[in-house]
C-alpha atoms as a PDB file:
ATOM      1  CA  UNK A   1      -3.708  -7.945 -14.700  1.00  0.00           C
ATOM      2  CA  UNK A   2      -5.614  -7.266 -11.462  1.00  0.00           C
ATOM      3  CA  UNK A   3      -6.012  -4.145  -9.335  1.00  0.00           C
ATOM      4  CA  UNK A   4      -5.726  -4.087  -5.565  1.00  0.00           C
ATOM      5  CA  UNK A   5      -6.677  -1.393  -3.078  1.00  0.00           C
ATOM      6  CA  UNK A   6      -3.943  -1.218  -0.470  1.00  0.00           C
ATOM      7  CA  UNK A   7      -4.767  -0.658   3.196  1.00  0.00           C
ATOM      8  CA  UNK A   8      -5.752   2.906   4.054  1.00  0.00           C
ATOM      9  CA  UNK A   9      -2.591   4.389   5.537  1.00  0.00           C
ATOM     10  CA  UNK A  10      -4.263   7.432   7.104  1.00  0.00           C
ATOM     11  CA  UNK A  11      -6.494   7.898  10.137  1.00  0.00           C
ATOM     12  CA  UNK A  12      -9.989   8.559   8.843  1.00  0.00           C
ATOM     13  CA  UNK A  13     -13.131   8.784  10.974  1.00  0.00           C
ATOM     14  CA  UNK A  14     -15.006   5.520  11.341  1.00  0.00           C
ATOM     15  CA  UNK A  15     -17.919   6.741   9.219  1.00  0.00           C
ATOM     16  CA  UNK A  16     -15.584   7.769   6.399  1.00  0.00           C
ATOM     17  CA  UNK A  17     -13.899   4.352   6.434  1.00  0.00           C
ATOM     18  CA  UNK A  18     -17.184   2.483   6.282  1.00  0.00           C
ATOM     19  CA  UNK A  19     -18.498   4.694   3.479  1.00  0.00           C
ATOM     20  CA  UNK A  20     -15.258   4.321   1.503  1.00  0.00           C
ATOM     21  CA  UNK A  21     -15.507   0.535   1.459  1.00  0.00           C
ATOM     22  CA  UNK A  22     -19.209   0.594   0.632  1.00  0.00           C
ATOM     23  CA  UNK A  23     -18.274   2.549  -2.489  1.00  0.00           C
ATOM     24  CA  UNK A  24     -15.237   0.369  -3.223  1.00  0.00           C
ATOM     25  CA  UNK A  25     -17.476  -2.710  -3.356  1.00  0.00           C
ATOM     26  CA  UNK A  26     -18.699  -1.539  -6.770  1.00  0.00           C
ATOM     27  CA  UNK A  27     -15.313  -0.435  -8.162  1.00  0.00           C
ATOM     28  CA  UNK A  28     -13.379  -2.561 -10.690  1.00  0.00           C
ATOM     29  CA  UNK A  29     -10.833  -3.757  -8.125  1.00  0.00           C
ATOM     30  CA  UNK A  30     -10.087  -7.413  -7.515  1.00  0.00           C
ATOM     31  CA  UNK A  31      -8.408  -7.370  -4.105  1.00  0.00           C
ATOM     32  CA  UNK A  32      -8.924  -5.141  -1.057  1.00  0.00           C
ATOM     33  CA  UNK A  33      -6.501  -4.928   1.859  1.00  0.00           C
ATOM     34  CA  UNK A  34      -8.061  -4.015   5.202  1.00  0.00           C
ATOM     35  CA  UNK A  35      -6.714  -3.007   8.588  1.00  0.00           C
ATOM     36  CA  UNK A  36      -4.380  -0.651  10.394  1.00  0.00           C
ATOM     37  CA  UNK A  37      -0.765  -0.729   9.215  1.00  0.00           C
ATOM     38  CA  UNK A  38       0.663   2.457  10.756  1.00  0.00           C
ATOM     39  CA  UNK A  39      -0.414   3.057  14.372  1.00  0.00           C
ATOM     40  CA  UNK A  40      -2.301   0.948  16.929  1.00  0.00           C
ATOM     41  CA  UNK A  41      -3.657   4.079  18.635  1.00  0.00           C
ATOM     42  CA  UNK A  42      -5.932   4.465  15.635  1.00  0.00           C
ATOM     43  CA  UNK A  43      -8.389   2.038  17.177  1.00  0.00           C
ATOM     44  CA  UNK A  44     -11.844   3.343  16.307  1.00  0.00           C
ATOM     45  CA  UNK A  45     -12.151   0.195  14.185  1.00  0.00           C
ATOM     46  CA  UNK A  46     -11.929  -3.092  16.062  1.00  0.00           C
ATOM     47  CA  UNK A  47     -10.955  -6.366  14.394  1.00  0.00           C
ATOM     48  CA  UNK A  48     -14.615  -7.373  14.419  1.00  0.00           C
ATOM     49  CA  UNK A  49     -15.458  -4.224  12.446  1.00  0.00           C
ATOM     50  CA  UNK A  50     -12.832  -5.020   9.829  1.00  0.00           C
ATOM     51  CA  UNK A  51     -14.122  -8.580   9.589  1.00  0.00           C
ATOM     52  CA  UNK A  52     -17.665  -7.308   8.990  1.00  0.00           C
ATOM     53  CA  UNK A  53     -16.427  -5.096   6.137  1.00  0.00           C
ATOM     54  CA  UNK A  54     -14.432  -8.046   4.830  1.00  0.00           C
ATOM     55  CA  UNK A  55     -17.565 -10.171   4.614  1.00  0.00           C
ATOM     56  CA  UNK A  56     -19.411  -7.439   2.707  1.00  0.00           C
ATOM     57  CA  UNK A  57     -16.564  -7.062   0.211  1.00  0.00           C
ATOM     58  CA  UNK A  58     -16.321 -10.824  -0.220  1.00  0.00           C
ATOM     59  CA  UNK A  59     -20.035 -10.924  -0.998  1.00  0.00           C
ATOM     60  CA  UNK A  60     -19.324  -8.279  -3.673  1.00  0.00           C
ATOM     61  CA  UNK A  61     -16.802 -10.599  -5.302  1.00  0.00           C
ATOM     62  CA  UNK A  62     -13.562  -9.116  -3.913  1.00  0.00           C
ATOM     63  CA  UNK A  63     -10.606 -11.002  -2.512  1.00  0.00           C
ATOM     64  CA  UNK A  64     -10.009  -9.610   0.982  1.00  0.00           C
ATOM     65  CA  UNK A  65      -6.651  -9.534   2.759  1.00  0.00           C
ATOM     66  CA  UNK A  66      -6.154  -8.449   6.389  1.00  0.00           C
ATOM     67  CA  UNK A  67      -3.007  -6.345   6.837  1.00  0.00           C
ATOM     68  CA  UNK A  68      -0.848  -6.272   9.973  1.00  0.00           C
ATOM     69  CA  UNK A  69       1.095  -3.429  11.582  1.00  0.00           C
ATOM     70  CA  UNK A  70       4.451  -2.642  10.011  1.00  0.00           C
ATOM     71  CA  UNK A  71       6.040  -1.766  13.371  1.00  0.00           C
ATOM     72  CA  UNK A  72       5.057  -3.783  16.459  1.00  0.00           C
ATOM     73  CA  UNK A  73       6.168  -2.068  19.676  1.00  0.00           C
ATOM     74  CA  UNK A  74       3.947  -3.425  22.463  1.00  0.00           C
ATOM     75  CA  UNK A  75       2.585  -6.723  23.778  1.00  0.00           C
ATOM     76  CA  UNK A  76      -0.968  -5.565  23.003  1.00  0.00           C
ATOM     77  CA  UNK A  77       0.013  -4.992  19.367  1.00  0.00           C
ATOM     78  CA  UNK A  78       1.563  -8.447  19.188  1.00  0.00           C
ATOM     79  CA  UNK A  79      -1.631 -10.014  20.531  1.00  0.00           C
ATOM     80  CA  UNK A  80      -3.743  -8.155  17.979  1.00  0.00           C
ATOM     81  CA  UNK A  81      -1.409  -9.238  15.197  1.00  0.00           C
ATOM     82  CA  UNK A  82      -1.755 -12.858  16.281  1.00  0.00           C
ATOM     83  CA  UNK A  83      -5.539 -12.541  16.260  1.00  0.00           C
ATOM     84  CA  UNK A  84      -5.356 -11.322  12.666  1.00  0.00           C
ATOM     85  CA  UNK A  85      -2.986 -14.135  11.735  1.00  0.00           C
ATOM     86  CA  UNK A  86      -5.334 -16.690  13.254  1.00  0.00           C
ATOM     87  CA  UNK A  87      -8.582 -15.295  11.817  1.00  0.00           C
ATOM     88  CA  UNK A  88      -9.158 -18.532   9.904  1.00  0.00           C
ATOM     89  CA  UNK A  89     -11.175 -16.900   7.141  1.00  0.00           C
ATOM     90  CA  UNK A  90      -9.169 -14.324   5.218  1.00  0.00           C
ATOM     91  CA  UNK A  91      -5.699 -14.115   3.712  1.00  0.00           C
ATOM     92  CA  UNK A  92      -3.175 -12.131   5.790  1.00  0.00           C
ATOM     93  CA  UNK A  93      -0.618  -9.558   4.635  1.00  0.00           C
ATOM     94  CA  UNK A  94       2.431  -9.914   6.892  1.00  0.00           C
ATOM     95  CA  UNK A  95       4.203  -6.565   7.191  1.00  0.00           C
ATOM     96  CA  UNK A  96       6.962  -7.576   9.585  1.00  0.00           C
ATOM     97  CA  UNK A  97       8.788 -10.797  10.399  1.00  0.00           C
ATOM     98  CA  UNK A  98       6.804 -11.324  13.598  1.00  0.00           C
ATOM     99  CA  UNK A  99       3.682 -11.622  11.452  1.00  0.00           C
ATOM    100  CA  UNK A 100       5.515 -13.935   9.048  1.00  0.00           C
ATOM    101  CA  UNK A 101       6.425 -16.128  12.007  1.00  0.00           C
ATOM    102  CA  UNK A 102       2.799 -16.158  13.169  1.00  0.00           C
ATOM    103  CA  UNK A 103       1.478 -17.469   9.835  1.00  0.00           C
ATOM    104  CA  UNK A 104       4.476 -19.469   8.575  1.00  0.00           C
ATOM    105  CA  UNK A 105       3.600 -23.030   7.711  1.00  0.00           C
ATOM    106  CA  UNK A 106       0.001 -22.567   8.826  1.00  0.00           C
ATOM    107  CA  UNK A 107      -1.822 -20.592   6.128  1.00  0.00           C
ATOM    108  CA  UNK A 108      -0.923 -18.918   2.812  1.00  0.00           C
ATOM    109  CA  UNK A 109      -0.056 -15.240   3.215  1.00  0.00           C
ATOM    110  CA  UNK A 110       1.042 -12.108   1.352  1.00  0.00           C
ATOM    111  CA  UNK A 111       4.561 -10.818   1.996  1.00  0.00           C
ATOM    112  CA  UNK A 112       3.909  -7.091   2.429  1.00  0.00           C
ATOM    113  CA  UNK A 113       5.929  -4.188   0.989  1.00  0.00           C
ATOM    114  CA  UNK A 114       7.580  -3.424   4.346  1.00  0.00           C
ATOM    115  CA  UNK A 115       9.544  -6.683   4.402  1.00  0.00           C
ATOM    116  CA  UNK A 116      13.134  -6.504   3.163  1.00  0.00           C
ATOM    117  CA  UNK A 117      12.814  -8.626   0.026  1.00  0.00           C
ATOM    118  CA  UNK A 118      15.653  -7.869  -2.358  1.00  0.00           C
ATOM    119  CA  UNK A 119      16.669 -11.201  -3.871  1.00  0.00           C
ATOM    120  CA  UNK A 120      15.355 -14.538  -5.057  1.00  0.00           C
ATOM    121  CA  UNK A 121      16.766 -16.357  -2.044  1.00  0.00           C
ATOM    122  CA  UNK A 122      14.503 -14.334   0.248  1.00  0.00           C
ATOM    123  CA  UNK A 123      11.557 -14.861  -2.076  1.00  0.00           C
ATOM    124  CA  UNK A 124      12.226 -18.583  -2.063  1.00  0.00           C
ATOM    125  CA  UNK A 125      12.341 -18.676   1.736  1.00  0.00           C
ATOM    126  CA  UNK A 126       9.083 -16.745   2.061  1.00  0.00           C
ATOM    127  CA  UNK A 127       7.470 -19.020  -0.492  1.00  0.00           C
ATOM    128  CA  UNK A 128       8.554 -22.076   1.500  1.00  0.00           C
ATOM    129  CA  UNK A 129       6.984 -20.510   4.610  1.00  0.00           C
ATOM    130  CA  UNK A 130       3.687 -20.092   2.765  1.00  0.00           C
ATOM    131  CA  UNK A 131       3.790 -16.771   0.885  1.00  0.00           C
ATOM    132  CA  UNK A 132       1.598 -16.944  -2.219  1.00  0.00           C
ATOM    133  CA  UNK A 133       2.256 -13.310  -3.180  1.00  0.00           C
ATOM    134  CA  UNK A 134       4.825 -10.633  -2.507  1.00  0.00           C
ATOM    135  CA  UNK A 135       4.534  -6.858  -2.768  1.00  0.00           C
ATOM    136  CA  UNK A 136       7.718  -5.380  -4.200  1.00  0.00           C
ATOM    137  CA  UNK A 137       9.463  -2.899  -1.844  1.00  0.00           C
ATOM    138  CA  UNK A 138       8.658   0.572  -3.149  1.00  0.00           C
ATOM    139  CA  UNK A 139      12.284   1.615  -3.740  1.00  0.00           C
ATOM    140  CA  UNK A 140      13.148  -1.182  -6.165  1.00  0.00           C
ATOM    141  CA  UNK A 141      13.469  -0.504  -9.894  1.00  0.00           C
ATOM    142  CA  UNK A 142      12.038  -2.192 -12.952  1.00  0.00           C
ATOM    143  CA  UNK A 143      15.472  -3.667 -13.707  1.00  0.00           C
ATOM    144  CA  UNK A 144      15.603  -5.295 -10.281  1.00  0.00           C
ATOM    145  CA  UNK A 145      12.072  -6.588 -10.673  1.00  0.00           C
ATOM    146  CA  UNK A 146      12.846  -8.020 -14.086  1.00  0.00           C
ATOM    147  CA  UNK A 147      15.754  -9.977 -12.607  1.00  0.00           C
ATOM    148  CA  UNK A 148      13.627 -11.200  -9.704  1.00  0.00           C
ATOM    149  CA  UNK A 149      10.802 -12.240 -12.013  1.00  0.00           C
ATOM    150  CA  UNK A 150      13.225 -14.465 -13.907  1.00  0.00           C
ATOM    151  CA  UNK A 151      13.813 -16.548 -10.774  1.00  0.00           C
ATOM    152  CA  UNK A 152      10.363 -16.293  -9.193  1.00  0.00           C
ATOM    153  CA  UNK A 153       9.190 -19.387  -7.249  1.00  0.00           C
ATOM    154  CA  UNK A 154       6.501 -21.283  -9.162  1.00  0.00           C
ATOM    155  CA  UNK A 155       3.002 -20.038  -8.427  1.00  0.00           C
ATOM    156  CA  UNK A 156       4.075 -16.927  -6.502  1.00  0.00           C
ATOM    157  CA  UNK A 157       2.342 -13.692  -7.519  1.00  0.00           C
ATOM    158  CA  UNK A 158       3.955 -10.259  -7.807  1.00  0.00           C
ATOM    159  CA  UNK A 159       2.216  -7.062  -6.740  1.00  0.00           C
ATOM    160  CA  UNK A 160       3.619  -3.588  -7.417  1.00  0.00           C
ATOM    161  CA  UNK A 161       2.802  -0.339  -5.579  1.00  0.00           C
ATOM    162  CA  UNK A 162       1.547   1.713  -8.527  1.00  0.00           C
ATOM    163  CA  UNK A 163      -0.267   4.750  -7.115  1.00  0.00           C
ATOM    164  CA  UNK A 164      -0.306   6.915  -4.005  1.00  0.00           C
ATOM    165  CA  UNK A 165       2.019   8.604  -1.562  1.00  0.00           C
ATOM    166  CA  UNK A 166       4.943   6.234  -1.087  1.00  0.00           C
ATOM    167  CA  UNK A 167       5.430   4.730   2.396  1.00  0.00           C
ATOM    168  CA  UNK A 168       9.138   5.285   3.053  1.00  0.00           C
ATOM    169  CA  UNK A 169       9.899   4.610   6.720  1.00  0.00           C
ATOM    170  CA  UNK A 170       8.509   4.100  10.229  1.00  0.00           C
ATOM    171  CA  UNK A 171       9.731   5.482  13.543  1.00  0.00           C
ATOM    172  CA  UNK A 172       9.008   4.954  17.232  1.00  0.00           C
ATOM    173  CA  UNK A 173       8.325   8.719  17.330  1.00  0.00           C
ATOM    174  CA  UNK A 174       5.044  10.259  16.208  1.00  0.00           C
ATOM    175  CA  UNK A 175       5.774  13.162  13.893  1.00  0.00           C
ATOM    176  CA  UNK A 176       2.212  14.503  13.940  1.00  0.00           C
ATOM    177  CA  UNK A 177       2.131  14.627  17.744  1.00  0.00           C
ATOM    178  CA  UNK A 178       5.467  16.447  17.793  1.00  0.00           C
ATOM    179  CA  UNK A 179       4.300  18.932  15.170  1.00  0.00           C
ATOM    180  CA  UNK A 180       1.277  19.644  17.359  1.00  0.00           C
ATOM    181  CA  UNK A 181       3.407  20.019  20.509  1.00  0.00           C
ATOM    182  CA  UNK A 182       2.013  16.861  22.082  1.00  0.00           C
ATOM    183  CA  UNK A 183       3.661  13.742  23.551  1.00  0.00           C
ATOM    184  CA  UNK A 184       3.156  10.521  21.594  1.00  0.00           C
ATOM    185  CA  UNK A 185       1.229   8.897  24.450  1.00  0.00           C
ATOM    186  CA  UNK A 186      -1.206  11.826  24.529  1.00  0.00           C
ATOM    187  CA  UNK A 187      -1.437  12.622  20.830  1.00  0.00           C
ATOM    188  CA  UNK A 188      -5.190  13.330  21.046  1.00  0.00           C
ATOM    189  CA  UNK A 189      -5.511  11.477  17.735  1.00  0.00           C
ATOM    190  CA  UNK A 190      -4.478  14.576  15.796  1.00  0.00           C
ATOM    191  CA  UNK A 191      -3.862  12.418  12.700  1.00  0.00           C
ATOM    192  CA  UNK A 192      -7.601  12.819  12.153  1.00  0.00           C
ATOM    193  CA  UNK A 193      -6.842  16.379  11.032  1.00  0.00           C
ATOM    194  CA  UNK A 194      -4.633  15.177   8.157  1.00  0.00           C
ATOM    195  CA  UNK A 195      -6.651  12.899   5.905  1.00  0.00           C
ATOM    196  CA  UNK A 196      -3.766  12.582   3.416  1.00  0.00           C
ATOM    197  CA  UNK A 197      -0.826  13.270   5.728  1.00  0.00           C
ATOM    198  CA  UNK A 198       1.000  16.465   6.723  1.00  0.00           C
ATOM    199  CA  UNK A 199       3.105  17.968   3.938  1.00  0.00           C
ATOM    200  CA  UNK A 200       6.656  19.082   4.767  1.00  0.00           C
ATOM    201  CA  UNK A 201       8.544  21.664   2.742  1.00  0.00           C
ATOM    202  CA  UNK A 202      12.283  22.238   2.562  1.00  0.00           C
ATOM    203  CA  UNK A 203      13.970  25.528   3.482  1.00  0.00           C
ATOM    204  CA  UNK A 204      13.856  26.529  -0.167  1.00  0.00           C
ATOM    205  CA  UNK A 205      10.075  25.996  -0.143  1.00  0.00           C
ATOM    206  CA  UNK A 206       9.990  22.759  -2.126  1.00  0.00           C
ATOM    207  CA  UNK A 207       7.652  19.907  -1.263  1.00  0.00           C
ATOM    208  CA  UNK A 208       9.845  17.289   0.409  1.00  0.00           C
ATOM    209  CA  UNK A 209       8.046  14.636   2.492  1.00  0.00           C
ATOM    210  CA  UNK A 210       4.697  13.938   4.130  1.00  0.00           C
ATOM    211  CA  UNK A 211       4.250  12.885   7.745  1.00  0.00           C
ATOM    212  CA  UNK A 212       1.576  10.352   8.675  1.00  0.00           C
ATOM    213  CA  UNK A 213       1.795   9.631  12.379  1.00  0.00           C
ATOM    214  CA  UNK A 214       4.918   7.493  12.826  1.00  0.00           C
ATOM    215  CA  UNK A 215       5.210   6.996   9.071  1.00  0.00           C
ATOM    216  CA  UNK A 216       7.258   9.054   6.623  1.00  0.00           C
ATOM    217  CA  UNK A 217       5.857   9.269   3.085  1.00  0.00           C
ATOM    218  CA  UNK A 218       6.774  10.914  -0.178  1.00  0.00           C
ATOM    219  CA  UNK A 219       5.355  14.388  -0.727  1.00  0.00           C
ATOM    220  CA  UNK A 220       4.148  13.469  -4.188  1.00  0.00           C
ATOM    221  CA  UNK A 221       2.075  10.534  -5.329  1.00  0.00           C
ATOM    222  CA  UNK A 222       3.683   7.624  -7.138  1.00  0.00           C
ATOM    223  CA  UNK A 223       2.002   7.146 -10.501  1.00  0.00           C
ATOM    224  CA  UNK A 224       2.975   4.164 -12.654  1.00  0.00           C
ATOM    225  CA  UNK A 225       0.171   4.394 -15.209  1.00  0.00           C
ATOM    226  CA  UNK A 226       2.815   4.844 -17.880  1.00  0.00           C
ATOM    227  CA  UNK A 227       4.483   1.554 -16.912  1.00  0.00           C
ATOM    228  CA  UNK A 228       1.378  -0.650 -17.005  1.00  0.00           C
ATOM    229  CA  UNK A 229       2.138  -2.203 -20.396  1.00  0.00           C
ATOM    230  CA  UNK A 230       5.725  -2.880 -19.330  1.00  0.00           C
ATOM    231  CA  UNK A 231       4.569  -4.568 -16.135  1.00  0.00           C
ATOM    232  CA  UNK A 232       2.101  -6.685 -18.064  1.00  0.00           C
ATOM    233  CA  UNK A 233       4.964  -7.924 -20.245  1.00  0.00           C
ATOM    234  CA  UNK A 234       7.002  -8.703 -17.123  1.00  0.00           C
ATOM    235  CA  UNK A 235       4.223 -10.861 -15.699  1.00  0.00           C
ATOM    236  CA  UNK A 236       3.178  -8.639 -12.787  1.00  0.00           C
ATOM    237  CA  UNK A 237      -0.167  -9.930 -11.513  1.00  0.00           C
ATOM    238  CA  UNK A 238      -1.452  -7.043  -9.373  1.00  0.00           C
ATOM    239  CA  UNK A 239      -1.127  -3.265  -9.240  1.00  0.00           C
ATOM    240  CA  UNK A 240      -1.592  -1.728  -5.792  1.00  0.00           C
ATOM    241  CA  UNK A 241      -3.386   1.603  -5.558  1.00  0.00           C
ATOM    242  CA  UNK A 242      -3.014   3.256  -2.159  1.00  0.00           C
ATOM    243  CA  UNK A 243      -6.228   5.035  -1.067  1.00  0.00           C
ATOM    244  CA  UNK A 244      -6.405   8.812  -0.790  1.00  0.00           C
ATOM    245  CA  UNK A 245      -9.296  10.857   0.575  1.00  0.00           C
ATOM    246  CA  UNK A 246     -10.691  12.056  -2.761  1.00  0.00           C
ATOM    247  CA  UNK A 247     -11.100  10.897  -6.351  1.00  0.00           C
ATOM    248  CA  UNK A 248     -10.166   7.284  -5.695  1.00  0.00           C
ATOM    249  CA  UNK A 249     -12.998   5.899  -7.791  1.00  0.00           C
ATOM    250  CA  UNK A 250     -11.764   7.832 -10.837  1.00  0.00           C
ATOM    251  CA  UNK A 251      -8.165   6.756 -10.276  1.00  0.00           C
ATOM    252  CA  UNK A 252      -9.219   3.104 -10.110  1.00  0.00           C
ATOM    253  CA  UNK A 253     -11.228   3.528 -13.303  1.00  0.00           C
ATOM    254  CA  UNK A 254      -8.233   5.041 -15.149  1.00  0.00           C
ATOM    255  CA  UNK A 255      -5.973   2.140 -14.183  1.00  0.00           C
ATOM    256  CA  UNK A 256      -8.624  -0.351 -15.254  1.00  0.00           C
ATOM    257  CA  UNK A 257      -9.012   1.393 -18.622  1.00  0.00           C
ATOM    258  CA  UNK A 258      -5.255   1.440 -19.246  1.00  0.00           C
ATOM    259  CA  UNK A 259      -4.935  -2.244 -18.311  1.00  0.00           C
ATOM    260  CA  UNK A 260      -7.780  -3.106 -20.689  1.00  0.00           C
ATOM    261  CA  UNK A 261      -6.354  -0.832 -23.443  1.00  0.00           C
ATOM    262  CA  UNK A 262      -9.493   1.312 -23.428  1.00  0.00           C
ATOM    263  CA  UNK A 263      -7.593   4.587 -23.093  1.00  0.00           C
ATOM    264  CA  UNK A 264      -4.154   5.811 -24.112  1.00  0.00           C
ATOM    265  CA  UNK A 265      -1.690   5.807 -21.194  1.00  0.00           C
ATOM    266  CA  UNK A 266      -0.594   9.393 -21.888  1.00  0.00           C
ATOM    267  CA  UNK A 267      -4.185  10.619 -21.696  1.00  0.00           C
ATOM    268  CA  UNK A 268      -4.773   8.648 -18.492  1.00  0.00           C
ATOM    269  CA  UNK A 269      -1.631  10.101 -16.914  1.00  0.00           C
ATOM    270  CA  UNK A 270      -2.780  13.649 -17.688  1.00  0.00           C
ATOM    271  CA  UNK A 271      -6.170  12.956 -16.110  1.00  0.00           C
ATOM    272  CA  UNK A 272      -4.723  11.215 -13.056  1.00  0.00           C
ATOM    273  CA  UNK A 273      -2.323  14.064 -12.314  1.00  0.00           C
ATOM    274  CA  UNK A 274      -5.329  16.295 -11.679  1.00  0.00           C
ATOM    275  CA  UNK A 275      -6.622  13.791  -9.125  1.00  0.00           C
ATOM    276  CA  UNK A 276      -3.404  12.874  -7.294  1.00  0.00           C
ATOM    277  CA  UNK A 277      -2.444  14.314  -3.922  1.00  0.00           C
ATOM    278  CA  UNK A 278       0.545  16.539  -4.668  1.00  0.00           C
ATOM    279  CA  UNK A 279       2.718  16.265  -7.752  1.00  0.00           C
ATOM    280  CA  UNK A 280       3.291  12.823  -9.239  1.00  0.00           C
ATOM    281  CA  UNK A 281       6.541  10.864  -9.249  1.00  0.00           C
ATOM    282  CA  UNK A 282       7.878   7.593 -10.661  1.00  0.00           C
ATOM    283  CA  UNK A 283      11.640   7.808 -10.150  1.00  0.00           C
ATOM    284  CA  UNK A 284      12.136   4.594  -8.205  1.00  0.00           C
ATOM    285  CA  UNK A 285      10.680   2.516 -11.041  1.00  0.00           C
ATOM    286  CA  UNK A 286      13.293   3.873 -13.448  1.00  0.00           C
ATOM    287  CA  UNK A 287      16.210   3.587 -11.021  1.00  0.00           C
ATOM    288  CA  UNK A 288      16.231   7.312 -10.214  1.00  0.00           C
ATOM    289  CA  UNK A 289      15.495   9.292  -7.066  1.00  0.00           C
ATOM    290  CA  UNK A 290      11.990   8.385  -5.979  1.00  0.00           C
ATOM    291  CA  UNK A 291      10.733  11.966  -5.898  1.00  0.00           C
ATOM    292  CA  UNK A 292      11.441  12.752  -9.547  1.00  0.00           C
ATOM    293  CA  UNK A 293       9.056  12.463 -12.483  1.00  0.00           C
ATOM    294  CA  UNK A 294      10.660  10.614 -15.382  1.00  0.00           C
ATOM    295  CA  UNK A 295       9.209  10.956 -18.871  1.00  0.00           C
ATOM    296  CA  UNK A 296       7.905   7.573 -20.003  1.00  0.00           C
ATOM    297  CA  UNK A 297       8.541   8.508 -23.624  1.00  0.00           C
ATOM    298  CA  UNK A 298      12.250   8.944 -22.889  1.00  0.00           C
ATOM    299  CA  UNK A 299      12.386   5.411 -21.478  1.00  0.00           C
ATOM    300  CA  UNK A 300      10.954   3.642 -24.505  1.00  0.00           C
END
């Protein structure tokens, strides 16, 4: 089983991004997704900058995938997406159907987690269009995945979002700008102030959601360390770890050790919970509310 680093969902300063990937080059990850998925205003990194990082990671032995925006709202964003689709060097993760259309029948691609893929008919269609891998939508359960795996197109890989704040939804509105009393078109790039998103609490003071620009995320971090063995048995090829601003090297190491049976899953879970942003959750995997933490022992 392989480990992938998903695209960084937050707006980090350019220097922080470059340093993060320099470190990641030596981590035990197999695949690295690069690019902006959330907001095109986060443009301190040009496509040429991402391509330069991609070359460095490739030289370090990583598979590199260029990710596209999940919500395309402007002609300029469509043009940038087409440039990514036509890069001619690296695999592309298509995160909306416009990107699928841009790569369909031309080059192999990854069907990203933001596509509505809920049945084998859709998987078959995407495979016919050129998808070599799909990332399971975050809200699907292990039972659904098991059924989909039984009818998986030959040669198509499955990737599961296994760690990090869960990307739940996108909006044309920018929640960070609104929280700061600013219009979306003059947001002053305030997302830079929230390196892991802005936590929201309910009226009864419980952690509820996290805002990340136009993206809504879970307040807690998904943690499927306890389901690694089960996913191995199901034939899942890749586990996606979504980057956070601290401790990512240790989180990657824990997943690698659990995959290789070098550490007990329960011990790894206890260690990872100290590193995760917010409390951890795994409810979606077990068919429960996504925000809850289900005991793995009770599911055996």
